[in-house]
PDB file of N, CA and C in Angstrom:
ATOM      1  N   UNK A   1       6.241  38.487 -45.057  1.00  0.00           N
ATOM      2  CA  UNK A   1       6.505  37.530 -44.028  1.00  0.00           C
ATOM      3  C   UNK A   1       5.212  36.847 -43.620  1.00  0.00           C
ATOM      4  N   UNK A   2       5.269  35.545 -43.518  1.00  0.00           N
ATOM      5  CA  UNK A   2       4.085  34.813 -43.085  1.00  0.00           C
ATOM      6  C   UNK A   2       4.350  34.195 -41.729  1.00  0.00           C
ATOM      7  N   UNK A   3       3.343  34.184 -40.912  1.00  0.00           N
ATOM      8  CA  UNK A   3       3.446  33.558 -39.598  1.00  0.00           C
ATOM      9  C   UNK A   3       2.399  32.464 -39.512  1.00  0.00           C
ATOM     10  N   UNK A   4       2.730  31.433 -38.790  1.00  0.00           N
ATOM     11  CA  UNK A   4       1.775  30.348 -38.577  1.00  0.00           C
ATOM     12  C   UNK A   4       1.448  30.283 -37.096  1.00  0.00           C
ATOM     13  N   UNK A   5       0.237  29.954 -36.808  1.00  0.00           N
ATOM     14  CA  UNK A   5      -0.177  29.780 -35.421  1.00  0.00           C
ATOM     15  C   UNK A   5      -0.607  28.340 -35.223  1.00  0.00           C
ATOM     16  N   UNK A   6      -0.305  27.850 -34.087  1.00  0.00           N
ATOM     17  CA  UNK A   6      -0.671  26.468 -33.754  1.00  0.00           C
ATOM     18  C   UNK A   6      -2.013  26.479 -33.037  1.00  0.00           C
ATOM     19  N   UNK A   7      -2.927  25.647 -33.499  1.00  0.00           N
ATOM     20  CA  UNK A   7      -4.247  25.555 -32.884  1.00  0.00           C
ATOM     21  C   UNK A   7      -4.252  24.338 -31.974  1.00  0.00           C
ATOM     22  N   UNK A   8      -4.596  24.567 -30.721  1.00  0.00           N
ATOM     23  CA  UNK A   8      -4.655  23.478 -29.744  1.00  0.00           C
ATOM     24  C   UNK A   8      -6.095  23.245 -29.341  1.00  0.00           C
ATOM     25  N   UNK A   9      -6.430  21.988 -28.985  1.00  0.00           N
ATOM     26  CA  UNK A   9      -7.764  21.730 -28.446  1.00  0.00           C
ATOM     27  C   UNK A   9      -7.956  22.483 -27.136  1.00  0.00           C
ATOM     28  N   UNK A  10      -9.185  22.673 -26.744  1.00  0.00           N
ATOM     29  CA  UNK A  10      -9.504  23.482 -25.565  1.00  0.00           C
ATOM     30  C   UNK A  10      -8.886  22.925 -24.289  1.00  0.00           C
ATOM     31  N   UNK A  11      -8.848  21.587 -24.130  1.00  0.00           N
ATOM     32  CA  UNK A  11      -8.320  21.034 -22.887  1.00  0.00           C
ATOM     33  C   UNK A  11      -6.812  21.200 -22.783  1.00  0.00           C
ATOM     34  N   UNK A  12      -6.126  21.334 -23.900  1.00  0.00           N
ATOM     35  CA  UNK A  12      -4.687  21.515 -23.837  1.00  0.00           C
ATOM     36  C   UNK A  12      -4.307  22.980 -23.737  1.00  0.00           C
ATOM     37  N   UNK A  13      -5.216  23.865 -23.985  1.00  0.00           N
ATOM     38  CA  UNK A  13      -4.914  25.283 -24.027  1.00  0.00           C
ATOM     39  C   UNK A  13      -4.648  25.905 -22.673  1.00  0.00           C
ATOM     40  N   UNK A  14      -4.918  25.218 -21.589  1.00  0.00           N
ATOM     41  CA  UNK A  14      -4.737  25.818 -20.271  1.00  0.00           C
ATOM     42  C   UNK A  14      -3.268  25.951 -19.891  1.00  0.00           C
ATOM     43  N   UNK A  15      -2.392  25.185 -20.542  1.00  0.00           N
ATOM     44  CA  UNK A  15      -0.977  25.246 -20.211  1.00  0.00           C
ATOM     45  C   UNK A  15      -0.595  24.431 -18.992  1.00  0.00           C
ATOM     46  N   UNK A  16      -1.542  23.761 -18.378  1.00  0.00           N
ATOM     47  CA  UNK A  16      -1.264  22.947 -17.199  1.00  0.00           C
ATOM     48  C   UNK A  16      -1.256  21.475 -17.589  1.00  0.00           C
ATOM     49  N   UNK A  17      -0.525  20.722 -16.837  1.00  0.00           N
ATOM     50  CA  UNK A  17      -0.484  19.282 -17.063  1.00  0.00           C
ATOM     51  C   UNK A  17      -1.798  18.665 -16.611  1.00  0.00           C
ATOM     52  N   UNK A  18      -2.168  17.503 -17.170  1.00  0.00           N
ATOM     53  CA  UNK A  18      -3.376  16.819 -16.697  1.00  0.00           C
ATOM     54  C   UNK A  18      -3.276  16.521 -15.202  1.00  0.00           C
ATOM     55  N   UNK A  19      -4.424  16.363 -14.559  1.00  0.00           N
ATOM     56  CA  UNK A  19      -4.466  16.184 -13.101  1.00  0.00           C
ATOM     57  C   UNK A  19      -3.631  14.993 -12.642  1.00  0.00           C
ATOM     58  N   UNK A  20      -3.619  13.917 -13.400  1.00  0.00           N
ATOM     59  CA  UNK A  20      -2.880  12.729 -12.981  1.00  0.00           C
ATOM     60  C   UNK A  20      -1.373  12.950 -13.070  1.00  0.00           C
ATOM     61  N   UNK A  21      -0.920  13.888 -13.892  1.00  0.00           N
ATOM     62  CA  UNK A  21       0.516  14.099 -14.070  1.00  0.00           C
ATOM     63  C   UNK A  21       1.072  15.145 -13.124  1.00  0.00           C
ATOM     64  N   UNK A  22       0.207  15.925 -12.460  1.00  0.00           N
ATOM     65  CA  UNK A  22       0.703  16.931 -11.525  1.00  0.00           C
ATOM     66  C   UNK A  22       1.259  16.265 -10.284  1.00  0.00           C
ATOM     67  N   UNK A  23       2.431  16.686  -9.842  1.00  0.00           N
ATOM     68  CA  UNK A  23       3.028  16.027  -8.673  1.00  0.00           C
ATOM     69  C   UNK A  23       2.366  16.441  -7.365  1.00  0.00           C
ATOM     70  N   UNK A  24       2.454  15.546  -6.395  1.00  0.00           N
ATOM     71  CA  UNK A  24       2.017  15.813  -5.031  1.00  0.00           C
ATOM     72  C   UNK A  24       3.284  16.016  -4.222  1.00  0.00           C
ATOM     73  N   UNK A  25       3.283  17.009  -3.353  1.00  0.00           N
ATOM     74  CA  UNK A  25       4.474  17.296  -2.562  1.00  0.00           C
ATOM     75  C   UNK A  25       4.199  17.018  -1.091  1.00  0.00           C
ATOM     76  N   UNK A  26       5.127  16.356  -0.458  1.00  0.00           N
ATOM     77  CA  UNK A  26       5.090  16.153   0.983  1.00  0.00           C
ATOM     78  C   UNK A  26       6.379  16.728   1.545  1.00  0.00           C
ATOM     79  N   UNK A  27       6.284  17.428   2.634  1.00  0.00           N
ATOM     80  CA  UNK A  27       7.495  17.919   3.261  1.00  0.00           C
ATOM     81  C   UNK A  27       7.323  17.970   4.761  1.00  0.00           C
ATOM     82  N   UNK A  28       8.441  17.783   5.413  1.00  0.00           N
ATOM     83  CA  UNK A  28       8.464  17.802   6.865  1.00  0.00           C
ATOM     84  C   UNK A  28       9.836  18.323   7.263  1.00  0.00           C
ATOM     85  N   UNK A  29       9.932  19.592   7.550  1.00  0.00           N
ATOM     86  CA  UNK A  29      11.224  20.158   7.915  1.00  0.00           C
ATOM     87  C   UNK A  29      12.178  20.141   6.742  1.00  0.00           C
ATOM     88  N   UNK A  30      13.243  19.382   6.867  1.00  0.00           N
ATOM     89  CA  UNK A  30      14.276  19.336   5.836  1.00  0.00           C
ATOM     90  C   UNK A  30      14.015  18.295   4.759  1.00  0.00           C
ATOM     91  N   UNK A  31      13.170  17.335   5.035  1.00  0.00           N
ATOM     92  CA  UNK A  31      12.946  16.243   4.098  1.00  0.00           C
ATOM     93  C   UNK A  31      11.688  16.519   3.286  1.00  0.00           C
ATOM     94  N   UNK A  32      11.808  16.398   1.968  1.00  0.00           N
ATOM     95  CA  UNK A  32      10.642  16.566   1.108  1.00  0.00           C
ATOM     96  C   UNK A  32      10.816  15.692  -0.120  1.00  0.00           C
ATOM     97  N   UNK A  33       9.714  15.324  -0.730  1.00  0.00           N
ATOM     98  CA  UNK A  33       9.772  14.589  -1.980  1.00  0.00           C
ATOM     99  C   UNK A  33       8.492  14.837  -2.762  1.00  0.00           C
ATOM    100  N   UNK A  34       8.573  14.571  -4.072  1.00  0.00           N
ATOM    101  CA  UNK A  34       7.434  14.758  -4.958  1.00  0.00           C
ATOM    102  C   UNK A  34       7.073  13.422  -5.587  1.00  0.00           C
ATOM    103  N   UNK A  35       5.794  13.230  -5.801  1.00  0.00           N
ATOM    104  CA  UNK A  35       5.304  11.997  -6.399  1.00  0.00           C
ATOM    105  C   UNK A  35       4.053  12.342  -7.193  1.00  0.00           C
ATOM    106  N   UNK A  36       3.891  11.700  -8.338  1.00  0.00           N
ATOM    107  CA  UNK A  36       2.685  11.921  -9.120  1.00  0.00           C
ATOM    108  C   UNK A  36       1.488  11.338  -8.381  1.00  0.00           C
ATOM    109  N   UNK A  37       0.341  11.962  -8.553  1.00  0.00           N
ATOM    110  CA  UNK A  37      -0.869  11.520  -7.850  1.00  0.00           C
ATOM    111  C   UNK A  37      -1.203  10.068  -8.168  1.00  0.00           C
ATOM    112  N   UNK A  38      -1.073   9.695  -9.426  1.00  0.00           N
ATOM    113  CA  UNK A  38      -1.398   8.325  -9.815  1.00  0.00           C
ATOM    114  C   UNK A  38      -0.479   7.328  -9.107  1.00  0.00           C
ATOM    115  N   UNK A  39       0.799   7.665  -9.001  1.00  0.00           N
ATOM    116  CA  UNK A  39       1.744   6.793  -8.305  1.00  0.00           C
ATOM    117  C   UNK A  39       1.373   6.662  -6.833  1.00  0.00           C
ATOM    118  N   UNK A  40       0.981   7.779  -6.222  1.00  0.00           N
ATOM    119  CA  UNK A  40       0.585   7.744  -4.811  1.00  0.00           C
ATOM    120  C   UNK A  40      -0.666   6.893  -4.619  1.00  0.00           C
ATOM    121  N   UNK A  41      -1.640   7.022  -5.514  1.00  0.00           N
ATOM    122  CA  UNK A  41      -2.865   6.233  -5.396  1.00  0.00           C
ATOM    123  C   UNK A  41      -2.606   4.743  -5.605  1.00  0.00           C
ATOM    124  N   UNK A  42      -1.812   4.409  -6.599  1.00  0.00           N
ATOM    125  CA  UNK A  42      -1.517   2.992  -6.862  1.00  0.00           C
ATOM    126  C   UNK A  42      -0.712   2.397  -5.716  1.00  0.00           C
ATOM    127  N   UNK A  43       0.257   3.152  -5.195  1.00  0.00           N
ATOM    128  CA  UNK A  43       1.063   2.656  -4.072  1.00  0.00           C
ATOM    129  C   UNK A  43       0.211   2.472  -2.820  1.00  0.00           C
ATOM    130  N   UNK A  44      -0.666   3.426  -2.554  1.00  0.00           N
ATOM    131  CA  UNK A  44      -1.562   3.293  -1.396  1.00  0.00           C
ATOM    132  C   UNK A  44      -2.501   2.111  -1.536  1.00  0.00           C
ATOM    133  N   UNK A  45      -3.028   1.911  -2.736  1.00  0.00           N
ATOM    134  CA  UNK A  45      -3.897   0.757  -2.972  1.00  0.00           C
ATOM    135  C   UNK A  45      -3.160  -0.562  -2.808  1.00  0.00           C
ATOM    136  N   UNK A  46      -1.916  -0.612  -3.290  1.00  0.00           N
ATOM    137  CA  UNK A  46      -1.121  -1.836  -3.145  1.00  0.00           C
ATOM    138  C   UNK A  46      -0.816  -2.125  -1.678  1.00  0.00           C
ATOM    139  N   UNK A  47      -0.510  -1.087  -0.906  1.00  0.00           N
ATOM    140  CA  UNK A  47      -0.255  -1.282   0.527  1.00  0.00           C
ATOM    141  C   UNK A  47      -1.504  -1.739   1.268  1.00  0.00           C
ATOM    142  N   UNK A  48      -2.648  -1.175   0.911  1.00  0.00           N
ATOM    143  CA  UNK A  48      -3.904  -1.592   1.524  1.00  0.00           C
ATOM    144  C   UNK A  48      -4.217  -3.048   1.187  1.00  0.00           C
ATOM    145  N   UNK A  49      -4.013  -3.420  -0.060  1.00  0.00           N
ATOM    146  CA  UNK A  49      -4.243  -4.812  -0.465  1.00  0.00           C
ATOM    147  C   UNK A  49      -3.296  -5.762   0.265  1.00  0.00           C
ATOM    148  N   UNK A  50      -2.035  -5.368   0.399  1.00  0.00           N
ATOM    149  CA  UNK A  50      -1.071  -6.210   1.123  1.00  0.00           C
ATOM    150  C   UNK A  50      -1.464  -6.378   2.589  1.00  0.00           C
ATOM    151  N   UNK A  51      -1.965  -5.304   3.213  1.00  0.00           N
ATOM    152  CA  UNK A  51      -2.391  -5.392   4.616  1.00  0.00           C
ATOM    153  C   UNK A  51      -3.598  -6.315   4.762  1.00  0.00           C
ATOM    154  N   UNK A  52      -4.544  -6.219   3.830  1.00  0.00           N
ATOM    155  CA  UNK A  52      -5.713  -7.102   3.891  1.00  0.00           C
ATOM    156  C   UNK A  52      -5.330  -8.558   3.660  1.00  0.00           C
ATOM    157  N   UNK A  53      -4.410  -8.800   2.739  1.00  0.00           N
ATOM    158  CA  UNK A  53      -3.963 -10.173   2.503  1.00  0.00           C
ATOM    159  C   UNK A  53      -3.165 -10.713   3.690  1.00  0.00           C
ATOM    160  N   UNK A  54      -2.411  -9.847   4.352  1.00  0.00           N
ATOM    161  CA  UNK A  54      -1.703 -10.271   5.560  1.00  0.00           C
ATOM    162  C   UNK A  54      -2.690 -10.666   6.646  1.00  0.00           C
ATOM    163  N   UNK A  55      -3.731  -9.867   6.824  1.00  0.00           N
ATOM    164  CA  UNK A  55      -4.760 -10.191   7.810  1.00  0.00           C
ATOM    165  C   UNK A  55      -5.456 -11.502   7.459  1.00  0.00           C
ATOM    166  N   UNK A  56      -5.768 -11.693   6.185  1.00  0.00           N
ATOM    167  CA  UNK A  56      -6.398 -12.950   5.762  1.00  0.00           C
ATOM    168  C   UNK A  56      -5.470 -14.130   6.013  1.00  0.00           C
ATOM    169  N   UNK A  57      -4.177 -13.934   5.764  1.00  0.00           N
ATOM    170  CA  UNK A  57      -3.210 -15.004   6.008  1.00  0.00           C
ATOM    171  C   UNK A  57      -3.097 -15.375   7.480  1.00  0.00           C
ATOM    172  N   UNK A  58      -3.310 -14.397   8.348  1.00  0.00           N
ATOM    173  CA  UNK A  58      -3.256 -14.679   9.790  1.00  0.00           C
ATOM    174  C   UNK A  58      -4.530 -15.353  10.289  1.00  0.00           C
ATOM    175  N   UNK A  59      -5.635 -15.162   9.593  1.00  0.00           N
ATOM    176  CA  UNK A  59      -6.915 -15.724  10.031  1.00  0.00           C
ATOM    177  C   UNK A  59      -7.166 -17.138   9.509  1.00  0.00           C
ATOM    178  N   UNK A  60      -6.735 -17.425   8.310  1.00  0.00           N
ATOM    179  CA  UNK A  60      -7.102 -18.667   7.621  1.00  0.00           C
ATOM    180  C   UNK A  60      -6.021 -19.724   7.829  1.00  0.00           C
ATOM    181  N   UNK A  61      -6.446 -20.949   8.048  1.00  0.00           N
ATOM    182  CA  UNK A  61      -5.518 -22.057   8.201  1.00  0.00           C
ATOM    183  C   UNK A  61      -6.226 -23.278   8.751  1.00  0.00           C
ATOM    184  N   UNK A  62      -5.443 -24.273   9.178  1.00  0.00           N
ATOM    185  CA  UNK A  62      -6.037 -25.492   9.718  1.00  0.00           C
ATOM    186  C   UNK A  62      -6.785 -25.212  11.018  1.00  0.00           C
ATOM    187  N   UNK A  63      -6.336 -24.180  11.746  1.00  0.00           N
ATOM    188  CA  UNK A  63      -7.039 -23.720  12.944  1.00  0.00           C
ATOM    189  C   UNK A  63      -7.472 -22.284  12.667  1.00  0.00           C
ATOM    190  N   UNK A  64      -8.725 -22.074  12.215  1.00  0.00           N
ATOM    191  CA  UNK A  64      -9.164 -20.710  11.887  1.00  0.00           C
ATOM    192  C   UNK A  64      -9.240 -19.829  13.125  1.00  0.00           C
ATOM    193  N   UNK A  65      -8.746 -18.599  12.977  1.00  0.00           N
ATOM    194  CA  UNK A  65      -8.738 -17.641  14.081  1.00  0.00           C
ATOM    195  C   UNK A  65      -9.552 -16.424  13.643  1.00  0.00           C
ATOM    196  N   UNK A  66     -10.575 -16.036  14.406  1.00  0.00           N
ATOM    197  CA  UNK A  66     -11.358 -14.851  14.038  1.00  0.00           C
ATOM    198  C   UNK A  66     -10.520 -13.564  14.118  1.00  0.00           C
ATOM    199  N   UNK A  67     -10.943 -12.546  13.380  1.00  0.00           N
ATOM    200  CA  UNK A  67     -10.198 -11.284  13.306  1.00  0.00           C
ATOM    201  C   UNK A  67     -10.008 -10.634  14.686  1.00  0.00           C
ATOM    202  N   UNK A  68     -11.031 -10.578  15.571  1.00  0.00           N
ATOM    203  CA  UNK A  68     -10.772  -9.976  16.892  1.00  0.00           C
ATOM    204  C   UNK A  68      -9.703 -10.717  17.692  1.00  0.00           C
ATOM    205  N   UNK A  69      -9.672 -12.050  17.574  1.00  0.00           N
ATOM    206  CA  UNK A  69      -8.642 -12.818  18.272  1.00  0.00           C
ATOM    207  C   UNK A  69      -7.255 -12.566  17.685  1.00  0.00           C
ATOM    208  N   UNK A  70      -7.186 -12.367  16.365  1.00  0.00           N
ATOM    209  CA  UNK A  70      -5.909 -12.031  15.725  1.00  0.00           C
ATOM    210  C   UNK A  70      -5.416 -10.689  16.246  1.00  0.00           C
ATOM    211  N   UNK A  71      -6.304  -9.711  16.339  1.00  0.00           N
ATOM    212  CA  UNK A  71      -5.918  -8.389  16.839  1.00  0.00           C
ATOM    213  C   UNK A  71      -5.436  -8.464  18.278  1.00  0.00           C
ATOM    214  N   UNK A  72      -6.160  -9.223  19.118  1.00  0.00           N
ATOM    215  CA  UNK A  72      -5.745  -9.379  20.521  1.00  0.00           C
ATOM    216  C   UNK A  72      -4.393 -10.075  20.625  1.00  0.00           C
ATOM    217  N   UNK A  73      -4.195 -11.095  19.808  1.00  0.00           N
ATOM    218  CA  UNK A  73      -2.934 -11.837  19.846  1.00  0.00           C
ATOM    219  C   UNK A  73      -1.770 -10.971  19.357  1.00  0.00           C
ATOM    220  N   UNK A  74      -1.993 -10.167  18.334  1.00  0.00           N
ATOM    221  CA  UNK A  74      -0.921  -9.332  17.791  1.00  0.00           C
ATOM    222  C   UNK A  74      -0.560  -8.177  18.717  1.00  0.00           C
ATOM    223  N   UNK A  75      -1.557  -7.441  19.175  1.00  0.00           N
ATOM    224  CA  UNK A  75      -1.290  -6.207  19.898  1.00  0.00           C
ATOM    225  C   UNK A  75      -1.128  -6.399  21.404  1.00  0.00           C
ATOM    226  N   UNK A  76      -1.811  -7.378  21.971  1.00  0.00           N
ATOM    227  CA  UNK A  76      -1.776  -7.545  23.427  1.00  0.00           C
ATOM    228  C   UNK A  76      -1.156  -8.863  23.870  1.00  0.00           C
ATOM    229  N   UNK A  77      -1.123  -9.860  22.998  1.00  0.00           N
ATOM    230  CA  UNK A  77      -0.599 -11.163  23.383  1.00  0.00           C
ATOM    231  C   UNK A  77      -1.522 -11.916  24.317  1.00  0.00           C
ATOM    232  N   UNK A  78      -2.801 -11.547  24.311  1.00  0.00           N
ATOM    233  CA  UNK A  78      -3.771 -12.192  25.202  1.00  0.00           C
ATOM    234  C   UNK A  78      -4.801 -12.932  24.365  1.00  0.00           C
ATOM    235  N   UNK A  79      -5.654 -13.660  25.058  1.00  0.00           N
ATOM    236  CA  UNK A  79      -6.710 -14.404  24.381  1.00  0.00           C
ATOM    237  C   UNK A  79      -6.468 -15.895  24.480  1.00  0.00           C
ATOM    238  N   UNK A  80      -7.085 -16.639  23.596  1.00  0.00           N
ATOM    239  CA  UNK A  80      -6.943 -18.082  23.537  1.00  0.00           C
ATOM    240  C   UNK A  80      -5.469 -18.439  23.299  1.00  0.00           C
ATOM    241  N   UNK A  81      -4.936 -19.359  24.112  1.00  0.00           N
ATOM    242  CA  UNK A  81      -3.517 -19.728  23.983  1.00  0.00           C
ATOM    243  C   UNK A  81      -3.189 -20.278  22.615  1.00  0.00           C
ATOM    244  N   UNK A  82      -4.115 -21.069  22.062  1.00  0.00           N
ATOM    245  CA  UNK A  82      -3.857 -21.629  20.725  1.00  0.00           C
ATOM    246  C   UNK A  82      -3.845 -20.529  19.669  1.00  0.00           C
ATOM    247  N   UNK A  83      -4.752 -19.558  19.800  1.00  0.00           N
ATOM    248  CA  UNK A  83      -4.797 -18.463  18.828  1.00  0.00           C
ATOM    249  C   UNK A  83      -3.519 -17.629  18.898  1.00  0.00           C
ATOM    250  N   UNK A  84      -3.056 -17.326  20.114  1.00  0.00           N
ATOM    251  CA  UNK A  84      -1.827 -16.554  20.273  1.00  0.00           C
ATOM    252  C   UNK A  84      -0.652 -17.309  19.665  1.00  0.00           C
ATOM    253  N   UNK A  85      -0.578 -18.616  19.925  1.00  0.00           N
ATOM    254  CA  UNK A  85       0.513 -19.415  19.361  1.00  0.00           C
ATOM    255  C   UNK A  85       0.469 -19.429  17.846  1.00  0.00           C
ATOM    256  N   UNK A  86      -0.691 -19.727  17.278  1.00  0.00           N
ATOM    257  CA  UNK A  86      -0.786 -19.829  15.819  1.00  0.00           C
ATOM    258  C   UNK A  86      -0.502 -18.488  15.147  1.00  0.00           C
ATOM    259  N   UNK A  87      -1.001 -17.398  15.726  1.00  0.00           N
ATOM    260  CA  UNK A  87      -0.799 -16.088  15.090  1.00  0.00           C
ATOM    261  C   UNK A  87       0.652 -15.638  15.230  1.00  0.00           C
ATOM    262  N   UNK A  88       1.184 -15.644  16.436  1.00  0.00           N
ATOM    263  CA  UNK A  88       2.512 -15.078  16.674  1.00  0.00           C
ATOM    264  C   UNK A  88       3.664 -16.000  16.310  1.00  0.00           C
ATOM    265  N   UNK A  89       3.504 -17.294  16.488  1.00  0.00           N
ATOM    266  CA  UNK A  89       4.610 -18.214  16.270  1.00  0.00           C
ATOM    267  C   UNK A  89       4.587 -18.909  14.913  1.00  0.00           C
ATOM    268  N   UNK A  90       3.427 -19.110  14.348  1.00  0.00           N
ATOM    269  CA  UNK A  90       3.318 -19.872  13.110  1.00  0.00           C
ATOM    270  C   UNK A  90       3.049 -18.981  11.900  1.00  0.00           C
ATOM    271  N   UNK A  91       1.960 -18.224  11.952  1.00  0.00           N
ATOM    272  CA  UNK A  91       1.478 -17.534  10.752  1.00  0.00           C
ATOM    273  C   UNK A  91       2.140 -16.194  10.495  1.00  0.00           C
ATOM    274  N   UNK A  92       2.421 -15.415  11.521  1.00  0.00           N
ATOM    275  CA  UNK A  92       3.015 -14.099  11.308  1.00  0.00           C
ATOM    276  C   UNK A  92       4.397 -14.190  10.662  1.00  0.00           C
ATOM    277  N   UNK A  93       5.309 -15.017  11.165  1.00  0.00           N
ATOM    278  CA  UNK A  93       6.609 -15.119  10.479  1.00  0.00           C
ATOM    279  C   UNK A  93       6.481 -15.612   9.037  1.00  0.00           C
ATOM    280  N   UNK A  94       5.587 -16.549   8.811  1.00  0.00           N
ATOM    281  CA  UNK A  94       5.392 -17.078   7.460  1.00  0.00           C
ATOM    282  C   UNK A  94       4.831 -16.005   6.526  1.00  0.00           C
ATOM    283  N   UNK A  95       3.865 -15.228   6.995  1.00  0.00           N
ATOM    284  CA  UNK A  95       3.262 -14.184   6.168  1.00  0.00           C
ATOM    285  C   UNK A  95       4.254 -13.062   5.884  1.00  0.00           C
ATOM    286  N   UNK A  96       5.031 -12.656   6.888  1.00  0.00           N
ATOM    287  CA  UNK A  96       6.019 -11.606   6.672  1.00  0.00           C
ATOM    288  C   UNK A  96       7.123 -12.060   5.722  1.00  0.00           C
ATOM    289  N   UNK A  97       7.528 -13.300   5.831  1.00  0.00           N
ATOM    290  CA  UNK A  97       8.529 -13.834   4.913  1.00  0.00           C
ATOM    291  C   UNK A  97       7.982 -13.888   3.484  1.00  0.00           C
ATOM    292  N   UNK A  98       6.714 -14.229   3.328  1.00  0.00           N
ATOM    293  CA  UNK A  98       6.103 -14.247   2.008  1.00  0.00           C
ATOM    294  C   UNK A  98       6.063 -12.844   1.398  1.00  0.00           C
ATOM    295  N   UNK A  99       5.762 -11.828   2.219  1.00  0.00           N
ATOM    296  CA  UNK A  99       5.740 -10.455   1.719  1.00  0.00           C
ATOM    297  C   UNK A  99       7.156 -10.015   1.329  1.00  0.00           C
ATOM    298  N   UNK A 100       8.147 -10.333   2.157  1.00  0.00           N
ATOM    299  CA  UNK A 100       9.532  -9.969   1.827  1.00  0.00           C
ATOM    300  C   UNK A 100      10.026 -10.683   0.579  1.00  0.00           C
ATOM    301  N   UNK A 101       9.665 -11.937   0.414  1.00  0.00           N
ATOM    302  CA  UNK A 101      10.058 -12.661  -0.785  1.00  0.00           C
ATOM    303  C   UNK A 101       9.389 -12.071  -2.028  1.00  0.00           C
ATOM    304  N   UNK A 102       8.146 -11.653  -1.885  1.00  0.00           N
ATOM    305  CA  UNK A 102       7.465 -11.001  -3.002  1.00  0.00           C
ATOM    306  C   UNK A 102       8.105  -9.684  -3.353  1.00  0.00           C
ATOM    307  N   UNK A 103       8.524  -8.926  -2.342  1.00  0.00           N
ATOM    308  CA  UNK A 103       9.205  -7.645  -2.601  1.00  0.00           C
ATOM    309  C   UNK A 103      10.571  -7.878  -3.243  1.00  0.00           C
ATOM    310  N   UNK A 104      11.253  -8.937  -2.878  1.00  0.00           N
ATOM    311  CA  UNK A 104      12.553  -9.236  -3.457  1.00  0.00           C
ATOM    312  C   UNK A 104      12.430  -9.585  -4.935  1.00  0.00           C
ATOM    313  N   UNK A 105      11.296 -10.144  -5.324  1.00  0.00           N
ATOM    314  CA  UNK A 105      11.084 -10.455  -6.736  1.00  0.00           C
ATOM    315  C   UNK A 105      10.975  -9.225  -7.597  1.00  0.00           C
ATOM    316  N   UNK A 106      10.601  -8.075  -7.013  1.00  0.00           N
ATOM    317  CA  UNK A 106      10.485  -6.824  -7.777  1.00  0.00           C
ATOM    318  C   UNK A 106      11.797  -6.100  -7.891  1.00  0.00           C
ATOM    319  N   UNK A 107      12.749  -6.438  -7.014  1.00  0.00           N
ATOM    320  CA  UNK A 107      14.039  -5.703  -7.025  1.00  0.00           C
ATOM    321  C   UNK A 107      14.945  -6.140  -8.137  1.00  0.00           C
TER     322      UNK A 107
END
């Protein structure tokens, strides 16, 4: 009787999946889910990029609004009347609609 043995490279011999393929687990009481680390990193990066682009969209326009004024207008509704109007009434709905339309293109 002859037997054959399979020779594996050293990195595959551990029996564990590569670090990027190992799932990350989140749980809170009854709700839990698993996600691969790479998926979590790419999703987090995409969300961060979307937030930065949203902020840029609120700042840039025919009437430029500095970032501190955008923050005051969004969270407190105070500051320069023109800045509050442009951020809350003009740019925020337009930027949110653009993000929703972009998300609809992926569905």
